[in-house]
Protein backbone atom coordinates (compact mmCIF):
# COMPACT_ATOMS: atom_id res chain seq x y z
CA MET A 1 3.44 -60.42 -19.22
CA LYS A 2 2.91 -57.58 -21.66
CA LYS A 3 -0.64 -57.20 -20.36
CA TYR A 4 0.54 -56.78 -16.74
CA LEU A 5 3.28 -54.34 -17.78
CA LEU A 6 0.72 -52.25 -19.68
CA LEU A 7 -1.56 -52.27 -16.60
CA LEU A 8 1.31 -51.07 -14.37
CA ILE A 9 2.09 -48.21 -16.79
CA VAL A 10 -1.57 -47.15 -16.72
CA LEU A 11 -1.65 -47.26 -12.92
CA VAL A 12 1.50 -45.16 -12.68
CA ALA A 13 0.01 -42.63 -15.09
CA LEU A 14 -3.14 -42.46 -12.99
CA GLY A 15 -1.07 -41.86 -9.86
CA VAL A 16 -2.06 -45.11 -8.15
CA PHE A 17 1.56 -46.27 -8.01
CA THR A 18 4.85 -44.42 -8.32
CA ALA A 19 7.39 -45.53 -10.90
CA CYS A 20 9.07 -47.72 -8.26
CA GLY A 21 5.80 -49.47 -7.46
CA GLU A 22 5.04 -47.61 -4.19
CA LYS A 23 1.76 -45.97 -3.36
CA GLU A 24 1.64 -42.18 -3.56
CA PRO A 25 1.68 -40.36 -0.18
CA THR A 26 -1.76 -40.20 1.38
CA VAL A 27 -2.18 -36.90 3.19
CA VAL A 28 -5.22 -34.95 4.32
CA GLU A 29 -5.66 -31.20 4.30
CA ASN A 30 -6.86 -29.57 7.50
CA LYS A 31 -9.94 -27.33 7.66
CA ASN A 32 -7.94 -24.42 6.20
CA GLY A 33 -6.65 -26.43 3.23
CA VAL A 34 -3.16 -27.10 4.61
CA VAL A 35 -1.27 -30.37 4.80
CA SER A 36 0.53 -30.16 8.15
CA ALA A 37 4.11 -31.11 8.91
CA ASP A 38 2.78 -34.05 10.96
CA GLN A 39 0.99 -35.36 7.88
CA TRP A 40 4.27 -35.39 5.95
CA ALA A 41 6.28 -37.02 8.75
CA GLU A 42 5.48 -40.56 7.62
CA TYR A 43 7.00 -39.90 4.19
CA TYR A 44 9.81 -37.48 5.04
CA PRO A 45 10.72 -38.34 8.66
CA ASP A 46 14.22 -36.86 8.63
CA ILE A 47 13.10 -33.55 7.19
CA VAL A 48 10.14 -33.22 9.56
CA ASP A 49 12.33 -34.18 12.53
CA SER A 50 14.79 -31.46 11.52
CA TYR A 51 11.90 -28.99 11.23
CA LYS A 52 10.72 -29.88 14.73
CA ALA A 53 14.26 -29.46 16.04
CA ASN A 54 13.61 -25.72 15.74
CA ASP A 55 11.65 -26.14 18.98
CA GLU A 56 15.03 -26.13 20.76
CA ASN A 57 15.43 -22.43 20.01
CA LYS A 58 13.49 -21.29 23.08
CA THR A 59 15.51 -18.24 24.12
CA VAL A 60 13.72 -14.90 24.14
CA TYR A 61 15.80 -11.75 23.69
CA ASP A 62 14.35 -8.41 24.75
CA HIS A 63 15.53 -5.77 22.26
CA VAL A 64 14.29 -2.91 24.44
CA GLU A 65 16.55 -4.10 27.24
CA GLU A 66 19.52 -4.68 24.93
CA TYR A 67 19.07 -1.42 23.01
CA PRO A 68 17.53 1.06 25.46
CA MET A 69 17.60 3.90 22.92
CA ILE A 70 14.64 2.38 21.04
CA ALA A 71 12.34 3.30 23.93
CA THR A 72 12.79 6.84 22.60
CA VAL A 73 13.47 6.22 18.90
CA TYR A 74 10.28 4.12 18.54
CA GLU A 75 8.22 6.34 20.84
CA GLY A 76 4.69 6.48 19.50
CA MET A 77 4.33 2.77 18.77
CA ALA A 78 4.32 -0.37 20.90
CA PHE A 79 7.72 -1.55 19.67
CA ASN A 80 9.30 0.92 22.09
CA LYS A 81 8.00 -1.20 24.99
CA PHE A 82 7.52 -4.70 23.58
CA TYR A 83 10.11 -5.89 21.08
CA ASN A 84 11.40 -9.42 21.49
CA ALA A 85 13.63 -11.12 18.95
CA ALA A 86 11.76 -13.80 17.03
CA ARG A 87 12.35 -17.40 18.06
CA ALA A 88 12.21 -20.31 15.65
CA HIS A 89 9.53 -20.68 12.95
CA THR A 90 7.77 -23.31 15.04
CA TYR A 91 6.96 -20.69 17.70
CA SER A 92 5.48 -18.16 15.28
CA LEU A 93 1.86 -18.50 16.41
CA GLU A 94 2.74 -18.56 20.08
CA ASP A 95 5.00 -15.53 19.75
CA VAL A 96 2.64 -13.33 17.73
CA GLN A 97 -0.01 -13.74 20.42
CA ALA A 98 2.43 -12.84 23.20
CA THR A 99 4.12 -9.77 21.72
CA GLY A 100 2.47 -7.26 24.05
CA ARG A 101 1.55 -5.20 21.00
CA PRO A 102 -2.18 -4.99 20.25
CA HIS A 103 -3.43 -6.74 17.11
CA ALA A 104 -6.66 -5.40 15.67
CA LEU A 105 -6.58 -7.10 12.27
CA ALA A 106 -5.57 -10.51 10.99
CA ASN A 107 -2.97 -9.03 8.61
CA CYS A 108 -0.51 -9.31 11.53
CA LEU A 109 -0.70 -13.09 11.00
CA THR A 110 0.68 -12.93 7.46
CA CYS A 111 4.05 -14.50 8.22
CA LYS A 112 3.00 -16.41 11.30
CA SER A 113 0.96 -19.33 10.01
CA ALA A 114 0.69 -21.69 7.07
CA ASP A 115 -3.05 -21.74 7.69
CA TYR A 116 -3.38 -17.98 7.38
CA THR A 117 -1.47 -18.01 4.10
CA ALA A 118 -3.93 -20.60 2.77
CA ILE A 119 -6.86 -18.49 3.98
CA VAL A 120 -5.52 -15.43 2.12
CA ASN A 121 -4.99 -17.50 -1.01
CA ALA A 122 -8.54 -18.84 -0.81
CA THR A 123 -10.39 -15.63 0.08
CA GLY A 124 -8.21 -12.82 -1.27
CA VAL A 125 -7.41 -9.45 0.30
CA THR A 126 -10.55 -9.46 2.45
CA ALA A 127 -8.68 -11.87 4.72
CA TYR A 128 -6.42 -9.02 5.81
CA THR A 129 -9.29 -7.08 7.40
CA GLN A 130 -10.65 -9.99 9.40
CA GLU A 131 -10.59 -9.59 13.17
CA PHE A 132 -7.35 -10.88 14.70
CA ASP A 133 -8.62 -12.97 17.60
CA ALA A 134 -11.38 -14.66 15.60
CA THR A 135 -8.94 -15.56 12.83
CA PHE A 136 -6.23 -16.67 15.24
CA ALA A 137 -8.68 -19.14 16.78
CA GLN A 138 -9.00 -20.88 13.40
CA LEU A 139 -5.28 -21.51 12.94
CA GLU A 140 -3.60 -24.84 13.62
CA GLU A 141 -0.20 -24.71 11.94
CA PRO A 142 2.64 -22.19 12.51
CA ILE A 143 5.09 -21.38 9.73
CA SER A 144 5.31 -24.76 8.08
CA CYS A 145 5.66 -26.80 4.88
CA TYR A 146 2.80 -25.03 3.07
CA ASN A 147 4.48 -21.62 3.23
CA CYS A 148 7.29 -22.70 0.92
CA HIS A 149 5.80 -25.69 -0.89
CA GLY A 150 2.06 -25.32 -1.00
CA ASN A 151 0.69 -28.83 -0.55
CA ASP A 152 3.25 -30.42 -2.87
CA VAL A 153 6.48 -30.76 -0.91
CA THR A 154 8.35 -32.09 -3.93
CA SER A 155 8.66 -28.54 -5.30
CA LEU A 156 9.03 -24.96 -4.08
CA GLU A 157 6.24 -22.43 -4.44
CA VAL A 158 5.94 -18.73 -3.66
CA THR A 159 2.62 -18.92 -1.85
CA HIS A 160 2.51 -15.26 -0.74
CA GLN A 161 1.15 -13.27 -3.67
CA TYR A 162 2.55 -9.91 -2.56
CA VAL A 163 6.07 -11.10 -3.44
CA THR A 164 5.05 -11.85 -7.01
CA ASN A 165 3.12 -8.56 -7.17
CA ALA A 166 6.26 -6.60 -6.30
CA ILE A 167 8.96 -8.61 -8.06
CA GLY A 168 7.18 -10.38 -10.90
CA THR A 169 7.91 -13.86 -12.16
CA ASP A 170 11.07 -13.23 -14.18
CA SER A 171 13.34 -11.38 -11.75
CA GLY A 172 16.12 -13.92 -12.13
CA ILE A 173 16.15 -14.48 -8.38
CA SER A 174 16.03 -18.14 -7.38
CA THR A 175 12.86 -19.65 -5.98
CA GLU A 176 14.93 -20.83 -3.01
CA THR A 177 15.61 -17.20 -2.12
CA LEU A 178 12.12 -15.95 -2.97
CA THR A 179 10.41 -18.47 -0.69
CA CYS A 180 12.47 -17.09 2.18
CA ALA A 181 11.75 -13.55 0.98
CA GLN A 182 8.06 -14.14 1.57
CA CYS A 183 8.61 -13.26 5.23
CA HIS A 184 12.12 -11.82 5.44
CA VAL A 185 11.26 -8.52 3.76
CA GLU A 186 10.34 -4.92 4.48
CA TYR A 187 6.60 -4.35 4.01
CA TYR A 188 3.67 -2.15 4.94
CA PHE A 189 -0.10 -2.48 5.13
CA ASP A 190 -2.01 -0.83 2.30
CA LYS A 191 -4.02 2.11 3.63
CA GLU A 192 -7.28 1.01 2.02
CA THR A 193 -7.22 -2.79 1.88
CA LYS A 194 -4.82 -3.40 4.82
CA ALA A 195 -3.08 -5.92 2.57
CA VAL A 196 0.59 -6.73 3.04
CA THR A 197 2.45 -4.78 0.36
CA LEU A 198 6.13 -4.51 -0.52
CA PRO A 199 7.41 -0.94 -1.06
CA TYR A 200 8.83 -1.41 -4.54
CA ASN A 201 7.80 -2.54 -8.00
CA SER A 202 10.79 -4.58 -9.12
CA ALA A 203 13.77 -6.43 -7.71
CA GLU A 204 16.01 -3.56 -8.83
CA GLU A 205 14.05 -1.16 -6.58
CA ALA A 206 14.36 -3.43 -3.54
CA ASN A 207 17.05 -1.32 -1.88
CA PRO A 208 16.92 1.16 1.01
CA GLU A 209 17.30 4.33 -1.06
CA ASP A 210 14.45 3.47 -3.44
CA ILE A 211 12.28 2.16 -0.59
CA LEU A 212 12.67 5.43 1.31
CA ALA A 213 11.84 7.39 -1.86
CA TYR A 214 8.73 5.18 -2.30
CA PHE A 215 7.53 5.93 1.23
CA ASN A 216 8.37 9.63 1.02
CA ALA A 217 6.52 10.01 -2.28
CA MET A 218 3.33 8.57 -0.77
CA GLY A 219 3.75 10.43 2.53
CA PHE A 220 3.66 7.16 4.42
CA ALA A 221 4.39 6.80 8.12
CA ASP A 222 4.02 3.87 10.51
CA TYR A 223 3.83 6.15 13.52
CA THR A 224 4.30 9.72 14.71
CA ASN A 225 6.57 10.51 17.60
CA PRO A 226 4.26 12.28 20.09
CA ARG A 227 6.91 14.64 21.41
CA THR A 228 8.60 15.66 18.18
CA GLY A 229 5.81 15.32 15.61
CA THR A 230 8.17 13.38 13.32
CA GLN A 231 6.30 10.93 11.08
CA GLN A 232 8.48 7.87 11.14
CA ILE A 233 8.86 4.56 9.33
CA LYS A 234 9.29 1.34 11.28
CA VAL A 235 11.37 -0.93 9.08
CA GLN A 236 10.57 -4.63 9.54
CA HIS A 237 13.16 -7.33 8.69
CA PRO A 238 14.73 -6.59 5.27
CA GLU A 239 16.97 -9.64 4.89
CA PHE A 240 15.92 -10.13 1.27
CA GLU A 241 16.52 -6.52 0.28
CA THR A 242 19.86 -6.41 2.09
CA TYR A 243 21.14 -9.70 0.69
CA THR A 244 20.17 -9.02 -2.93
CA ALA A 245 21.00 -5.29 -3.11
CA ALA A 246 24.14 -3.92 -4.75
CA GLY A 247 27.21 -4.67 -2.70
CA SER A 248 26.22 -8.24 -1.92
CA ILE A 249 29.04 -10.63 -2.73
CA HIS A 250 27.16 -13.92 -2.51
CA ALA A 251 23.61 -13.26 -3.74
CA SER A 252 24.37 -14.16 -7.36
CA GLN A 253 25.95 -17.46 -6.34
CA PHE A 254 24.04 -18.73 -3.33
CA SER A 255 20.44 -18.79 -2.16
CA CYS A 256 19.33 -18.31 1.44
CA ALA A 257 18.83 -22.08 1.70
CA ASP A 258 22.41 -22.82 0.65
CA CYS A 259 23.66 -21.19 3.84
CA HIS A 260 20.81 -21.67 6.31
CA MET A 261 19.52 -25.13 5.33
CA GLY A 262 22.58 -27.30 5.00
CA GLU A 263 22.70 -30.89 3.82
CA ALA A 264 22.39 -33.50 6.59
CA THR A 265 22.93 -37.27 6.72
CA ASN A 266 20.75 -39.79 8.56
CA ALA A 267 21.77 -43.03 10.28
CA LYS A 268 21.50 -44.93 6.99
CA GLY A 269 23.94 -42.59 5.27
CA GLU A 270 21.16 -40.93 3.24
CA THR A 271 21.37 -37.18 2.68
CA TYR A 272 18.52 -34.71 2.97
CA THR A 273 18.04 -30.95 3.31
CA SER A 274 17.93 -29.91 6.94
CA HIS A 275 14.96 -27.77 7.92
CA THR A 276 16.58 -26.64 11.15
CA TRP A 277 17.22 -23.03 10.23
CA THR A 278 20.55 -21.92 11.65
CA SER A 279 23.44 -19.59 11.06
CA PRO A 280 26.01 -21.24 8.78
CA LEU A 281 28.50 -20.57 11.58
CA ASP A 282 26.66 -23.23 13.59
CA ASN A 283 27.06 -25.80 10.81
CA PRO A 284 30.74 -26.86 10.75
CA THR A 285 30.14 -29.43 8.00
CA LEU A 286 28.70 -26.76 5.69
CA VAL A 287 31.56 -24.39 6.47
CA GLN A 288 34.19 -27.07 5.83
CA ASN A 289 32.64 -28.40 2.61
CA ASN A 290 31.67 -25.05 1.07
CA CYS A 291 32.76 -21.83 2.75
CA ALA A 292 36.32 -22.99 3.53
CA ALA A 293 37.18 -22.83 -0.17
CA CYS A 294 37.26 -19.04 0.18
CA HIS A 295 37.33 -18.44 3.94
CA ALA A 296 40.07 -19.96 6.06
CA ASP A 297 38.34 -18.64 9.20
CA LEU A 298 34.71 -17.87 8.36
CA LYS A 299 33.67 -17.57 12.00
CA GLY A 300 36.35 -14.97 12.75
CA PHE A 301 35.65 -13.14 9.51
CA VAL A 302 31.89 -12.86 10.13
CA GLU A 303 32.26 -12.00 13.80
CA GLY A 304 34.60 -9.16 12.81
CA ILE A 305 31.97 -7.78 10.40
CA GLN A 306 29.24 -8.08 13.01
CA GLU A 307 31.22 -6.48 15.80
CA LYS A 308 32.03 -3.45 13.64
CA ALA A 309 28.42 -3.10 12.49
CA GLU A 310 26.92 -3.53 15.96
CA THR A 311 29.30 -0.98 17.47
CA ARG A 312 28.11 1.60 14.95
CA VAL A 313 24.44 0.62 15.32
CA TYR A 314 24.63 1.20 19.06
CA ALA A 315 26.49 4.51 18.76
CA ILE A 316 24.24 5.94 16.03
CA GLY A 317 21.18 4.69 17.90
CA ASN A 318 22.31 6.79 20.84
CA ASP A 319 22.76 9.75 18.50
CA LEU A 320 19.19 9.28 17.24
CA GLU A 321 17.92 9.19 20.81
CA ALA A 322 19.75 12.45 21.55
CA LEU A 323 18.37 14.04 18.36
CA THR A 324 14.84 12.99 19.29
CA ASN A 325 15.11 14.50 22.75
CA LYS A 326 16.69 17.69 21.38
CA LEU A 327 13.92 18.06 18.80
CA ALA A 328 11.27 17.49 21.50
CA VAL A 329 12.77 20.37 23.50
CA ALA A 330 12.77 22.57 20.38
CA VAL A 331 9.09 21.81 19.73
CA GLU A 332 8.22 22.63 23.33
CA SER A 333 10.28 25.84 23.35
CA GLY A 334 8.11 27.73 20.89
CA LYS A 335 11.24 29.32 19.38
CA TYR A 336 10.92 27.56 16.00
CA THR A 337 8.51 27.99 13.12
CA GLU A 338 6.75 24.93 11.74
CA GLU A 339 8.87 25.25 8.62
CA GLU A 340 12.05 25.11 10.71
CA LEU A 341 10.78 22.17 12.73
CA ASN A 342 9.66 20.29 9.62
CA ALA A 343 13.15 20.61 8.12
CA ILE A 344 14.59 18.91 11.21
CA ARG A 345 11.77 16.35 11.29
CA SER A 346 12.46 15.37 7.69
CA LEU A 347 16.13 14.73 8.44
CA ASN A 348 15.19 12.89 11.63
CA ARG A 349 12.76 10.65 9.70
CA ASP A 350 15.27 9.70 7.01
CA ALA A 351 18.12 9.17 9.49
CA GLN A 352 15.97 6.86 11.59
CA PHE A 353 14.95 4.89 8.47
CA TYR A 354 18.54 4.21 7.38
CA TRP A 355 19.57 3.28 10.92
CA ASP A 356 16.54 1.05 11.39
CA PHE A 357 17.17 -0.70 8.07
CA VAL A 358 20.41 -2.02 9.57
CA PHE A 359 19.21 -2.46 13.15
CA VAL A 360 16.31 -4.79 12.32
CA GLU A 361 18.12 -6.81 9.63
CA ASN A 362 19.02 -10.06 11.32
CA SER A 363 22.54 -10.69 9.98
CA GLU A 364 24.17 -7.78 11.84
CA GLY A 365 26.01 -6.75 8.69
CA ALA A 366 27.01 -10.20 7.45
CA HIS A 367 24.57 -10.36 4.51
CA ASN A 368 25.91 -7.21 2.88
CA SER A 369 28.60 -5.36 4.80
CA LYS A 370 28.98 -2.68 2.12
CA LEU A 371 25.28 -1.76 2.16
CA THR A 372 25.20 -1.91 5.96
CA HIS A 373 27.85 0.76 6.33
CA GLU A 374 26.43 2.87 3.51
CA CYS A 375 23.14 3.02 5.43
CA LEU A 376 24.89 3.84 8.68
CA ASP A 377 26.95 6.53 6.95
CA LYS A 378 23.74 8.13 5.63
CA ALA A 379 22.09 7.97 9.04
CA GLU A 380 25.11 9.56 10.67
CA ASP A 381 25.29 12.35 8.10
CA LEU A 382 21.57 13.12 8.32
CA ILE A 383 21.79 13.37 12.11
CA LYS A 384 24.63 15.86 11.75
CA GLN A 385 22.59 17.88 9.27
CA ALA A 386 19.62 17.91 11.66
CA ASN A 387 21.75 19.01 14.62
CA ALA A 388 23.15 21.88 12.55
CA LEU A 389 19.64 23.35 12.21
CA PHE A 390 19.09 23.89 15.94
CA LYS A 391 19.39 27.44 17.17
């Protein structure tokens, strides 16, 4: 008996059997070194089913139609014509190919595919300068298990190196939040390497004021408005920076996953973490078991925040459109010196940045209402300053 027990212990140590006597999961990496969600389905069926339930989020929202001012505010880049709201993670490859915006380099695939993340990790920054179409043809998996777990789904892993480069390994921010931050961040492409880079060097600097100072110090611009000559920044999707910046009430207590990946129960009564990413407002069980301790009416509370923020976003967006058109007329008039025009352009640039930081952040003010309105206040004030400089 002792001999067989010793043999079992050895086999467990060698990974042949788990401690409960079951064989370890047998999975195979694809050609890019990724274990797909389908490979994990046999071992984690409920989780993979919940991941695939994201397919139900098929609706496409056209931001240019909903916010017509961005046709002018983003003039000079393709976002002013083609800007659809992202669908679920499972559509990431399909959507990046159908944006209407031209893709020259593969760096546009950074947050669109588990396979591309593995390619970057295997080949380094040279992956960012690969040709888009040729690289896209190699990809099999959209945003998937590998992005947040690597090929070991029993633990979380920050697989996108640029997050660690910017924040380090001892920021105090939970891995649950950092794995989401891999894609839900503001970023830019390095001028030389074309690598995805975050515009700060610590978690403390991950706020709109320091990010703008970072970009201004390096003279960075994503595009130049052809009619005004203003060199502008196109903010991406700064959920991480908004949620963790000063003014956030919940960031020190809850991770992104706590609110957007609630606990679910299968038919056997077993609980698991749902991988159907949703608003917590769409998860009544989560609200009742967690949020209700502090919020008697979370839905009404959040909708009130969002309505106030969206009303201001729309109004200030219209003000930015008017400023852009007014500046274009001033440029055309020949009545202003370059020095005078540059003073207005500088205010225009900064105002658009603060407005955009709120506009493209997906919570509509709910992640950090205080910061949201601080940014909108700054945008509003800068627009007023710019208008005061017209003759």
